[in-house]
Structures are given as structure tokens and as C-alpha cells.
């Protein structure tokens, strides 16, 4: 376990401080928007369909443009890609906030603006994976990823409360305007980030680079087999978040029961991220898959009719396992995937890990109606556990360790990292 005095060592580097500060602020803003937008649409139109349309537009844009975003993050300076993405998302959220503040709400406009925000995210997320290693020394990389995770998980605690307070006082539109401001600040901080310049190199055709990203991913069996597990984990979680609220409200004690379960997940996620700051296992993929398998617990306990507090504890273990796994995974990817292809590979990672979530959300309800709620939950629990534990049968997954002495990305002359 890492000594406490070393856990914050990445923040001693001014480059990482700028990146972390901007992303921490932006994460809080994002969590504010997620709640404020839902409150604004439901209170304005009273339609869950309208809310679903706006959220779907954002999700579809992100998934559709994720692969192009990964290629361009490898072709262009990643810092500039992230600044541009922040500005696009900030303008989109400012426009949404302005509509809500002025009372001229148009669902079609909100859907288009949400899609623009999703497009910005599609370019931003792959670029982040490639940029973090360029801001810290290799020996600090795992702790840097853990600090990024803490910012993400901690924002879940702050954002909803701020959004609700703003919505009840000055209006939800101002919450979106606040989020737009966080994107602007993030862009300014990223603009101040200075990394070692790298000589530009000729770019290959776009489709060839896209194909090379796929080839690079398939070259590492530990990588693509884990992505199967991640995809099944997210698919199973969709069953939980789709069926769980209905079951909690109808059988476990009403809205308070589901609120208790969600709060357990929030606390668990922050705890897992904090633990990731202290631990560095010799066999990270073994630990990562073992803690991911904990996600089967809340599904099984819900199916068995256990009490809300018990399910809340289990959900905390589920989200805590995910928060502990994520920095380990990011660090392994950054250490073992060539820097010149990391954003493209990361884009495939995001796409394959999250691509089945819309399908899971759409099918969970009908499947529960046809097969029964308990069998559906037990089936999802089994799918999650088998997919996460099954990959441990592969020797290369059990053997893979950290490569902390690798060169940092700015030393690789294959792409501009600034």
C-alpha cells in the first residue's frame, strides 16, 4: 500500500495540477447538468419521453463519433482537441441554459444542443487517456489516474445537491449556465498546459489509422477479452438501474428505498476511488476483475427480496469495485499500448464497453415482464460474475503487471501530445 505522503505526488507537477483542476471543476458541472436538465424538462413539459429524447440525442452522438474522435486525438495535439471539445460543450450548455432561463423551451433545440455536447465528449474522452501520461512521471501514473477518478466520483456527491438548490431557487437554467462556465474554465486551464513539443509526422489516411487502432487492440488478448467483461458488466448494470427503481418502490419501501440504494452506490464509488489512490497490486487485472465481480451482489440481493439497506451496501461494493478498477485499467492501457495509438484504442474501449447499454435499458423491462423480475435479475448477476471471473482463466491476464519504467508519451515522436 502506498504511503500517505506519496498519494498526492502527481499534484506536485504543475502540468497535472492544471489538468486535474480543470477536470475536477468540469466533472462537478456535468453532474449538476445531469440533474438540472432532468428537473427542467420534466417540470416544463411533464414528459418523460421528452427527457428521453434529449438524453438519447446526447448518447447517440457520443457513441457515433467516438471512433472518429479517437483518430483525431491521435492525429492532432490532444490538448487542443480537448480545449475545442470543452468550448463546444460549454457553448451547447450555455445555449440550453439560456433557453431554460428565458422560458423559450423547445425540445428539438435541446436535443440538437445535447447532441453537440455529446459530440464534444466523443472527442474529449479518448484524448484524455492519451494526455494524462504526458503530465506526470511514469512512477506517478497510477496515482494520477486515481486522482482523476476521485474527481469524477466526488462530483457525484456535490453536483446533485447544487443542481437541486439552484433549480428550487433561481431555476434549472442557471445550473446549466454554471456548467457552461466550468467548461470555459477547464478550457482556459488546458490552454495554459505546456508540454514538450514533438516534431509533426505525416499522417496516414483516416480509415487506415482507424483500422490500425482496431489491429492494435486485437494484438493484446488481455485487452479485448477484458472489454468483453466490461461490456457485460455495463449490460448487467442496465438491468439493475432499469428494474431496480421499480422493484424498490413497489416492494422495498417506496422512493426512500431506492434513494437509500443510490446513496450507497455514491458512497461506495468515492470509497473505491480513494482506495485506488493507496493500492498498487502486482497483478492488477486479477484484482480488477475480482472487484468487478462484486457487481453481481446487488442484482442477486434484489432478486432475493433483501432489505433496502442490504442492497445499498451491495450497490456500494459494486460501484466501489468499479471505481477501484478504473484507475488500474487506465494505467495499464497507458503503460502497455503505444502512445501514438492510445486515443484510437481508447475510443474502441469506450465504444465496446458502453455500446450495449442502450440495448440493455431498452430490453430489461420487456425481459422482466416476459421471464419475471427475479429470473432476469439472477440472470444478469450470473452474466456479470461469469464474464468478469471467466477471463481470469487466461494466463496473460493473470501475469500482466505494471510497466512503470515505460517512456512517457511526449518522448514518442509519432504524434504531437501537446
Protein backbone atom coordinates (compact mmCIF):
# COMPACT_ATOMS: atom_id res chain seq x y z
CA UNK A 1 0.00 0.00 0.00
CA UNK A 2 1.31 3.44 -0.96
CA UNK A 3 2.42 5.67 1.97
CA UNK A 4 0.01 8.56 2.56
CA UNK A 5 2.71 11.17 1.89
CA UNK A 6 3.15 9.82 -1.67
CA UNK A 7 -0.51 9.57 -2.66
CA UNK A 8 -0.71 13.21 -3.78
CA UNK A 9 2.66 13.21 -5.53
CA UNK A 10 1.19 13.78 -9.04
CA UNK A 11 -0.18 17.15 -7.88
CA UNK A 12 3.38 18.37 -7.36
CA UNK A 13 3.68 18.58 -11.15
CA UNK A 14 2.17 21.86 -12.39
CA UNK A 15 1.09 20.19 -15.64
CA UNK A 16 -1.05 17.62 -13.88
CA UNK A 17 -2.41 20.22 -11.45
CA UNK A 18 -3.79 22.21 -14.36
CA UNK A 19 -5.33 19.13 -15.96
CA UNK A 20 -6.77 17.80 -12.70
CA UNK A 21 -8.19 21.16 -11.57
CA UNK A 22 -9.96 21.70 -14.87
CA UNK A 23 -11.39 18.20 -14.98
CA UNK A 24 -12.49 18.31 -11.35
CA UNK A 25 -14.43 21.50 -11.91
CA UNK A 26 -15.91 20.24 -15.17
CA UNK A 27 -16.98 16.97 -13.53
CA UNK A 28 -18.95 18.88 -10.90
CA UNK A 29 -20.57 20.91 -13.65
CA UNK A 30 -21.53 17.76 -15.55
CA UNK A 31 -23.15 16.22 -12.50
CA UNK A 32 -25.09 19.46 -11.98
CA UNK A 33 -26.38 19.38 -15.55
CA UNK A 34 -27.47 15.74 -15.38
CA UNK A 35 -29.89 16.57 -12.57
CA UNK A 36 -30.83 20.11 -13.61
CA UNK A 37 -31.72 19.15 -17.17
CA UNK A 38 -33.96 16.33 -15.97
CA UNK A 39 -35.71 18.63 -13.49
CA UNK A 40 -36.12 21.37 -16.09
CA UNK A 41 -37.65 19.18 -18.79
CA UNK A 42 -39.94 17.22 -16.50
CA UNK A 43 -41.23 20.36 -14.76
CA UNK A 44 -41.62 22.27 -18.04
CA UNK A 45 -43.21 19.64 -20.28
CA UNK A 46 -44.11 16.91 -17.79
CA UNK A 47 -42.96 14.33 -20.33
CA UNK A 48 -40.51 11.52 -19.65
CA UNK A 49 -40.46 10.97 -23.43
CA UNK A 50 -39.08 14.47 -23.97
CA UNK A 51 -36.35 13.85 -21.42
CA UNK A 52 -35.53 10.52 -23.05
CA UNK A 53 -35.29 12.19 -26.47
CA UNK A 54 -32.78 14.77 -25.24
CA UNK A 55 -30.66 12.22 -23.38
CA UNK A 56 -30.78 9.80 -26.30
CA UNK A 57 -29.59 12.52 -28.70
CA UNK A 58 -26.58 13.15 -26.49
CA UNK A 59 -25.77 9.45 -26.10
CA UNK A 60 -26.15 8.64 -29.79
CA UNK A 61 -23.84 11.50 -30.80
CA UNK A 62 -21.19 10.33 -28.34
CA UNK A 63 -21.29 6.71 -29.47
CA UNK A 64 -21.42 7.58 -33.18
CA UNK A 65 -18.44 9.95 -33.08
CA UNK A 66 -16.29 8.11 -30.55
CA UNK A 67 -14.11 6.36 -33.13
CA UNK A 68 -13.52 9.48 -35.26
CA UNK A 69 -12.77 11.32 -32.02
CA UNK A 70 -10.11 8.77 -31.13
CA UNK A 71 -8.44 9.04 -34.53
CA UNK A 72 -8.33 12.84 -34.44
CA UNK A 73 -6.98 12.79 -30.89
CA UNK A 74 -4.04 10.78 -32.26
CA UNK A 75 -3.65 12.96 -35.37
CA UNK A 76 -3.84 16.38 -33.70
CA UNK A 77 -2.34 17.82 -30.49
CA UNK A 78 -4.50 16.27 -27.78
CA UNK A 79 -4.53 19.35 -25.60
CA UNK A 80 -6.02 21.37 -28.45
CA UNK A 81 -8.62 18.70 -29.15
CA UNK A 82 -9.70 18.83 -25.52
CA UNK A 83 -9.84 22.65 -25.49
CA UNK A 84 -12.01 22.64 -28.62
CA UNK A 85 -14.27 19.96 -27.14
CA UNK A 86 -14.65 21.94 -23.91
CA UNK A 87 -15.60 25.07 -25.85
CA UNK A 88 -18.18 23.19 -27.93
CA UNK A 89 -19.74 21.62 -24.84
CA UNK A 90 -19.66 24.92 -22.97
CA UNK A 91 -21.46 26.78 -25.78
CA UNK A 92 -24.04 23.99 -26.10
CA UNK A 93 -24.80 24.02 -22.38
CA UNK A 94 -24.89 27.83 -22.32
CA UNK A 95 -27.46 27.79 -25.12
CA UNK A 96 -29.56 25.20 -23.28
CA UNK A 97 -29.35 27.23 -20.09
CA UNK A 98 -30.37 30.41 -21.94
CA UNK A 99 -33.47 28.70 -23.37
CA UNK A 100 -34.48 27.50 -19.93
CA UNK A 101 -33.84 30.86 -18.27
CA UNK A 102 -35.85 32.77 -20.88
CA UNK A 103 -38.67 30.23 -20.84
CA UNK A 104 -38.49 29.54 -24.58
CA UNK A 105 -38.02 25.80 -24.19
CA UNK A 106 -38.03 23.82 -27.43
CA UNK A 107 -37.33 20.09 -27.07
CA UNK A 108 -35.95 19.88 -30.61
CA UNK A 109 -33.48 22.66 -29.82
CA UNK A 110 -32.46 20.99 -26.58
CA UNK A 111 -31.96 17.66 -28.38
CA UNK A 112 -29.73 19.29 -31.01
CA UNK A 113 -27.70 21.08 -28.36
CA UNK A 114 -27.42 17.88 -26.32
CA UNK A 115 -26.12 16.13 -29.44
CA UNK A 116 -23.46 18.84 -29.85
CA UNK A 117 -22.45 18.28 -26.24
CA UNK A 118 -22.27 14.54 -26.84
CA UNK A 119 -20.12 15.12 -29.92
CA UNK A 120 -17.70 17.14 -27.83
CA UNK A 121 -17.49 14.32 -25.30
CA UNK A 122 -16.72 11.85 -28.09
CA UNK A 123 -13.55 13.79 -28.92
CA UNK A 124 -12.66 14.72 -25.35
CA UNK A 125 -12.69 11.29 -23.68
CA UNK A 126 -10.18 9.46 -25.95
CA UNK A 127 -7.87 12.47 -25.85
CA UNK A 128 -7.81 12.45 -22.04
CA UNK A 129 -6.48 8.89 -21.91
CA UNK A 130 -3.53 9.92 -24.06
CA UNK A 131 -2.86 13.22 -22.31
CA UNK A 132 -2.66 12.11 -18.67
CA UNK A 133 0.65 10.19 -19.11
CA UNK A 134 2.22 13.32 -20.65
CA UNK A 135 1.63 15.33 -17.46
CA UNK A 136 3.27 13.09 -14.84
CA UNK A 137 6.35 10.93 -14.39
CA UNK A 138 5.75 7.21 -15.14
CA UNK A 139 6.06 6.22 -11.48
CA UNK A 140 3.20 8.58 -10.59
CA UNK A 141 0.84 7.46 -13.36
CA UNK A 142 -1.36 5.12 -11.33
CA UNK A 143 -1.89 7.72 -8.60
CA UNK A 144 -2.63 10.36 -11.24
CA UNK A 145 -5.40 8.18 -12.66
CA UNK A 146 -6.72 7.57 -9.16
CA UNK A 147 -6.87 11.32 -8.52
CA UNK A 148 -8.80 11.77 -11.77
CA UNK A 149 -11.21 9.09 -10.60
CA UNK A 150 -11.67 10.81 -7.23
CA UNK A 151 -12.61 14.00 -9.05
CA UNK A 152 -15.21 12.12 -11.08
CA UNK A 153 -16.69 10.21 -8.15
CA UNK A 154 -16.59 13.16 -5.78
CA UNK A 155 -18.55 15.27 -8.24
CA UNK A 156 -21.47 12.85 -7.87
CA UNK A 157 -21.73 13.89 -4.22
CA UNK A 158 -21.67 17.63 -4.92
CA UNK A 159 -23.48 18.03 -8.22
CA UNK A 160 -27.00 16.81 -7.45
CA UNK A 161 -27.29 18.96 -4.33
CA UNK A 162 -26.10 22.09 -6.14
CA UNK A 163 -28.42 21.40 -9.07
CA UNK A 164 -31.44 20.88 -6.85
CA UNK A 165 -30.70 24.03 -4.84
CA UNK A 166 -30.38 26.13 -7.99
CA UNK A 167 -33.49 24.60 -9.55
CA UNK A 168 -35.57 25.38 -6.46
CA UNK A 169 -34.26 28.96 -6.11
CA UNK A 170 -33.18 30.69 -9.32
CA UNK A 171 -34.17 27.98 -11.80
CA UNK A 172 -32.60 24.98 -13.52
CA UNK A 173 -31.43 27.07 -16.46
CA UNK A 174 -28.89 28.82 -14.24
CA UNK A 175 -27.46 25.42 -13.30
CA UNK A 176 -26.71 24.75 -16.97
CA UNK A 177 -25.15 28.19 -17.31
CA UNK A 178 -22.94 27.34 -14.33
CA UNK A 179 -21.90 24.13 -16.08
CA UNK A 180 -21.06 26.14 -19.21
CA UNK A 181 -18.79 28.30 -17.07
CA UNK A 182 -16.97 25.22 -15.75
CA UNK A 183 -16.24 24.15 -19.33
CA UNK A 184 -14.85 27.61 -20.08
CA UNK A 185 -12.57 27.47 -17.03
CA UNK A 186 -11.44 23.97 -18.00
CA UNK A 187 -10.57 25.21 -21.50
CA UNK A 188 -8.55 28.10 -20.05
CA UNK A 189 -6.62 25.75 -17.74
CA UNK A 190 -5.93 23.32 -20.58
CA UNK A 191 -4.80 26.26 -22.71
CA UNK A 192 -2.16 27.05 -20.11
CA UNK A 193 -0.85 23.49 -20.15
CA UNK A 194 2.60 23.34 -21.75
CA UNK A 195 4.15 20.02 -22.77
CA UNK A 196 7.35 19.19 -24.58
CA UNK A 197 6.97 19.90 -28.33
CA UNK A 198 7.13 16.95 -30.68
CA UNK A 199 8.09 17.17 -34.36
CA UNK A 200 4.99 16.60 -36.53
CA UNK A 201 4.92 13.47 -38.68
CA UNK A 202 2.97 12.76 -41.88
CA UNK A 203 -0.49 11.36 -41.21
CA UNK A 204 -1.75 8.19 -42.81
CA UNK A 205 -5.27 8.11 -44.33
CA UNK A 206 -8.06 8.37 -41.78
CA UNK A 207 -9.55 4.91 -42.40
CA UNK A 208 -6.14 3.29 -42.24
CA UNK A 209 -5.48 4.88 -38.87
CA UNK A 210 -8.90 3.72 -37.69
CA UNK A 211 -8.07 0.17 -38.78
CA UNK A 212 -4.67 0.35 -37.08
CA UNK A 213 -6.40 1.20 -33.82
CA UNK A 214 -8.52 -1.95 -34.14
CA UNK A 215 -5.43 -4.02 -35.01
CA UNK A 216 -3.55 -2.64 -32.03
CA UNK A 217 -6.42 -3.52 -29.72
CA UNK A 218 -6.73 -7.08 -31.06
CA UNK A 219 -2.98 -7.58 -30.69
CA UNK A 220 -3.35 -7.60 -26.92
CA UNK A 221 -5.54 -10.50 -25.81
CA UNK A 222 -5.65 -9.22 -22.23
CA UNK A 223 -7.19 -6.02 -23.60
CA UNK A 224 -10.02 -7.22 -25.81
CA UNK A 225 -11.03 -10.07 -23.52
CA UNK A 226 -11.39 -7.63 -20.63
CA UNK A 227 -13.50 -5.38 -22.85
CA UNK A 228 -15.96 -8.26 -23.23
CA UNK A 229 -16.21 -8.40 -19.45
CA UNK A 230 -16.64 -4.63 -19.21
CA UNK A 231 -19.40 -4.73 -21.80
CA UNK A 232 -21.27 -7.48 -19.94
CA UNK A 233 -20.79 -5.60 -16.66
CA UNK A 234 -22.41 -2.49 -18.10
CA UNK A 235 -25.16 -4.54 -19.73
CA UNK A 236 -25.97 -6.16 -16.38
CA UNK A 237 -25.88 -2.83 -14.60
CA UNK A 238 -28.53 -1.58 -17.04
CA UNK A 239 -30.82 -4.31 -15.72
CA UNK A 240 -30.19 -3.05 -12.18
CA UNK A 241 -30.83 0.64 -12.87
CA UNK A 242 -33.89 -0.13 -15.03
CA UNK A 243 -35.65 -2.75 -12.90
CA UNK A 244 -34.19 -1.71 -9.54
CA UNK A 245 -36.14 1.53 -9.04
CA UNK A 246 -39.48 -0.13 -9.82
CA UNK A 247 -38.78 -3.07 -7.53
CA UNK A 248 -37.50 -0.86 -4.71
CA UNK A 249 -40.51 1.46 -4.87
CA UNK A 250 -43.09 -1.33 -5.05
CA UNK A 251 -41.64 -3.89 -2.65
CA UNK A 252 -38.86 -2.36 -0.51
CA UNK A 253 -40.46 0.77 0.90
CA UNK A 254 -41.07 3.38 -1.78
CA UNK A 255 -38.90 6.18 -3.15
CA UNK A 256 -36.84 6.32 0.04
CA UNK A 257 -35.73 2.74 -0.51
CA UNK A 258 -34.32 3.48 -3.96
CA UNK A 259 -32.78 6.71 -2.71
CA UNK A 260 -31.03 4.74 0.02
CA UNK A 261 -29.68 2.26 -2.54
CA UNK A 262 -28.42 5.02 -4.84
CA UNK A 263 -26.75 6.82 -1.95
CA UNK A 264 -25.00 3.60 -1.01
CA UNK A 265 -23.64 3.43 -4.53
CA UNK A 266 -22.42 7.02 -4.39
CA UNK A 267 -20.55 6.50 -1.14
CA UNK A 268 -19.08 3.23 -2.39
CA UNK A 269 -17.82 4.86 -5.59
CA UNK A 270 -15.96 7.57 -3.71
CA UNK A 271 -14.54 4.99 -1.30
CA UNK A 272 -13.27 2.86 -4.17
CA UNK A 273 -11.60 5.84 -5.82
CA UNK A 274 -9.90 6.80 -2.55
CA UNK A 275 -8.68 3.22 -2.09
CA UNK A 276 -7.26 3.24 -5.63
CA UNK A 277 -5.01 6.09 -4.55
CA UNK A 278 -3.33 3.85 -1.97
CA UNK A 279 -3.03 0.43 -3.60
CA UNK A 280 -0.87 -0.84 -6.46
CA UNK A 281 -1.33 -4.62 -6.77
CA UNK A 282 1.27 -6.74 -8.55
CA UNK A 283 -1.46 -8.44 -10.61
CA UNK A 284 -3.83 -5.55 -11.34
CA UNK A 285 -6.10 -7.40 -13.78
CA UNK A 286 -6.73 -10.15 -11.25
CA UNK A 287 -7.73 -7.62 -8.60
CA UNK A 288 -9.71 -5.55 -11.12
CA UNK A 289 -11.85 -8.46 -12.26
CA UNK A 290 -12.39 -9.76 -8.74
CA UNK A 291 -13.74 -6.40 -7.57
CA UNK A 292 -15.84 -6.01 -10.72
CA UNK A 293 -17.46 -9.37 -9.96
CA UNK A 294 -18.85 -7.78 -6.78
CA UNK A 295 -21.37 -6.15 -9.10
CA UNK A 296 -23.38 -9.37 -9.06
CA UNK A 297 -24.27 -8.83 -5.38
CA UNK A 298 -26.93 -6.08 -5.62
CA UNK A 299 -28.62 -7.88 -8.53
CA UNK A 300 -28.81 -11.12 -6.58
CA UNK A 301 -29.94 -9.45 -3.35
CA UNK A 302 -32.68 -7.52 -5.15
CA UNK A 303 -33.88 -10.75 -6.75
CA UNK A 304 -33.92 -12.43 -3.33
CA UNK A 305 -36.03 -9.62 -1.83
CA UNK A 306 -33.42 -8.41 0.66
CA UNK A 307 -33.94 -5.11 2.50
CA UNK A 308 -33.00 -1.75 1.01
CA UNK A 309 -30.06 -1.17 3.41
CA UNK A 310 -28.56 -4.55 2.47
CA UNK A 311 -28.95 -3.82 -1.23
CA UNK A 312 -27.45 -0.36 -0.64
CA UNK A 313 -24.33 -1.91 0.90
CA UNK A 314 -24.08 -4.33 -2.02
CA UNK A 315 -24.52 -1.49 -4.51
CA UNK A 316 -21.76 0.38 -2.71
CA UNK A 317 -19.49 -2.63 -3.22
CA UNK A 318 -20.46 -2.69 -6.90
CA UNK A 319 -19.68 0.97 -7.55
CA UNK A 320 -16.66 0.85 -5.27
CA UNK A 321 -15.27 -2.06 -7.26
CA UNK A 322 -15.74 -0.12 -10.47
CA UNK A 323 -14.05 2.97 -9.03
CA UNK A 324 -11.12 0.85 -7.80
CA UNK A 325 -10.80 -0.93 -11.13
CA UNK A 326 -10.94 2.11 -13.42
CA UNK A 327 -7.59 3.73 -12.48
CA UNK A 328 -5.86 0.33 -12.61
CA UNK A 329 -7.24 -0.22 -16.10
CA UNK A 330 -6.36 3.27 -17.34
CA UNK A 331 -2.81 2.88 -16.04
CA UNK A 332 -2.31 -0.50 -17.73
CA UNK A 333 -3.61 0.86 -21.02
CA UNK A 334 -1.32 3.88 -20.82
CA UNK A 335 1.68 1.69 -19.95
CA UNK A 336 1.19 -1.11 -22.49
CA UNK A 337 -0.49 0.50 -25.52
CA UNK A 338 1.80 2.52 -27.83
CA UNK A 339 1.38 6.24 -27.24
CA UNK A 340 0.84 7.01 -30.92
CA UNK A 341 -2.30 4.82 -30.99
CA UNK A 342 -3.64 5.17 -27.46
CA UNK A 343 -6.52 7.53 -28.23
CA UNK A 344 -7.80 5.32 -31.06
CA UNK A 345 -7.58 2.23 -28.89
CA UNK A 346 -9.28 4.10 -26.05
CA UNK A 347 -12.10 5.06 -28.41
CA UNK A 348 -12.71 1.37 -29.18
CA UNK A 349 -12.56 0.75 -25.43
CA UNK A 350 -15.32 3.29 -24.73
CA UNK A 351 -17.42 2.09 -27.65
CA UNK A 352 -17.26 -1.61 -26.82
CA UNK A 353 -17.64 -1.09 -23.08
CA UNK A 354 -20.68 1.19 -23.34
CA UNK A 355 -22.18 0.21 -26.69
CA UNK A 356 -24.67 -2.31 -25.30
CA UNK A 357 -26.05 -0.03 -22.58
CA UNK A 358 -28.88 1.45 -24.68
CA UNK A 359 -29.90 -2.09 -25.67
CA UNK A 360 -29.82 -3.22 -22.05
CA UNK A 361 -32.01 -0.34 -20.93
CA UNK A 362 -34.48 -0.99 -23.73
CA UNK A 363 -34.76 -4.75 -23.16
CA UNK A 364 -34.58 -5.02 -19.37
CA UNK A 365 -38.23 -4.10 -18.81
CA UNK A 366 -39.73 -6.34 -21.50
CA UNK A 367 -37.49 -9.23 -20.41
CA UNK A 368 -38.61 -8.84 -16.79
CA UNK A 369 -42.23 -8.83 -17.95
CA UNK A 370 -41.77 -11.96 -20.04
CA UNK A 371 -39.48 -14.03 -17.78
CA UNK A 372 -40.15 -12.49 -14.38
CA UNK A 373 -38.24 -9.92 -12.36
CA UNK A 374 -36.28 -12.33 -10.16
CA UNK A 375 -35.09 -14.59 -13.03
CA UNK A 376 -33.99 -11.51 -15.00
CA UNK A 377 -32.00 -10.14 -12.06
CA UNK A 378 -30.43 -13.53 -11.30
CA UNK A 379 -29.57 -13.95 -14.98
CA UNK A 380 -27.89 -10.54 -15.08
CA UNK A 381 -25.97 -11.36 -11.89
CA UNK A 382 -24.73 -14.63 -13.40
CA UNK A 383 -23.76 -12.93 -16.67
CA UNK A 384 -21.76 -10.29 -14.81
CA UNK A 385 -19.99 -12.74 -12.50
CA UNK A 386 -19.12 -15.27 -15.21
CA UNK A 387 -17.81 -12.63 -17.63
CA UNK A 388 -15.60 -10.96 -15.02
CA UNK A 389 -14.29 -14.13 -13.39
CA UNK A 390 -14.02 -16.14 -16.60
CA UNK A 391 -11.22 -14.00 -18.04
CA UNK A 392 -9.03 -14.96 -15.07
CA UNK A 393 -8.62 -18.36 -16.72
CA UNK A 394 -6.31 -16.71 -19.29
CA UNK A 395 -2.64 -16.85 -18.22
CA UNK A 396 -1.70 -13.50 -19.80
CA UNK A 397 -4.37 -11.74 -17.73
CA UNK A 398 -3.11 -13.36 -14.53
CA UNK A 399 0.50 -12.48 -15.34
CA UNK A 400 0.19 -8.93 -16.65
CA UNK A 401 1.73 -6.35 -14.36
CA UNK A 402 2.63 -2.67 -14.41
CA UNK A 403 5.39 -1.36 -16.62
CA UNK A 404 6.19 1.80 -14.69
CA UNK A 405 9.51 2.40 -16.41
CA UNK A 406 7.97 2.94 -19.84
CA UNK A 407 8.71 6.20 -21.60
CA UNK A 408 6.12 8.88 -21.25
CA UNK A 409 4.15 9.80 -24.37
CA UNK A 410 5.88 13.12 -25.08
CA UNK A 411 9.09 11.19 -25.74
CA UNK A 412 7.44 9.29 -28.61
CA UNK A 413 7.88 11.15 -31.93
CA UNK A 414 4.83 9.54 -33.54
CA UNK A 415 2.26 12.19 -32.69
CA UNK A 416 2.00 15.62 -31.10
CA UNK A 417 0.90 15.26 -27.49
CA UNK A 418 0.64 18.97 -26.74
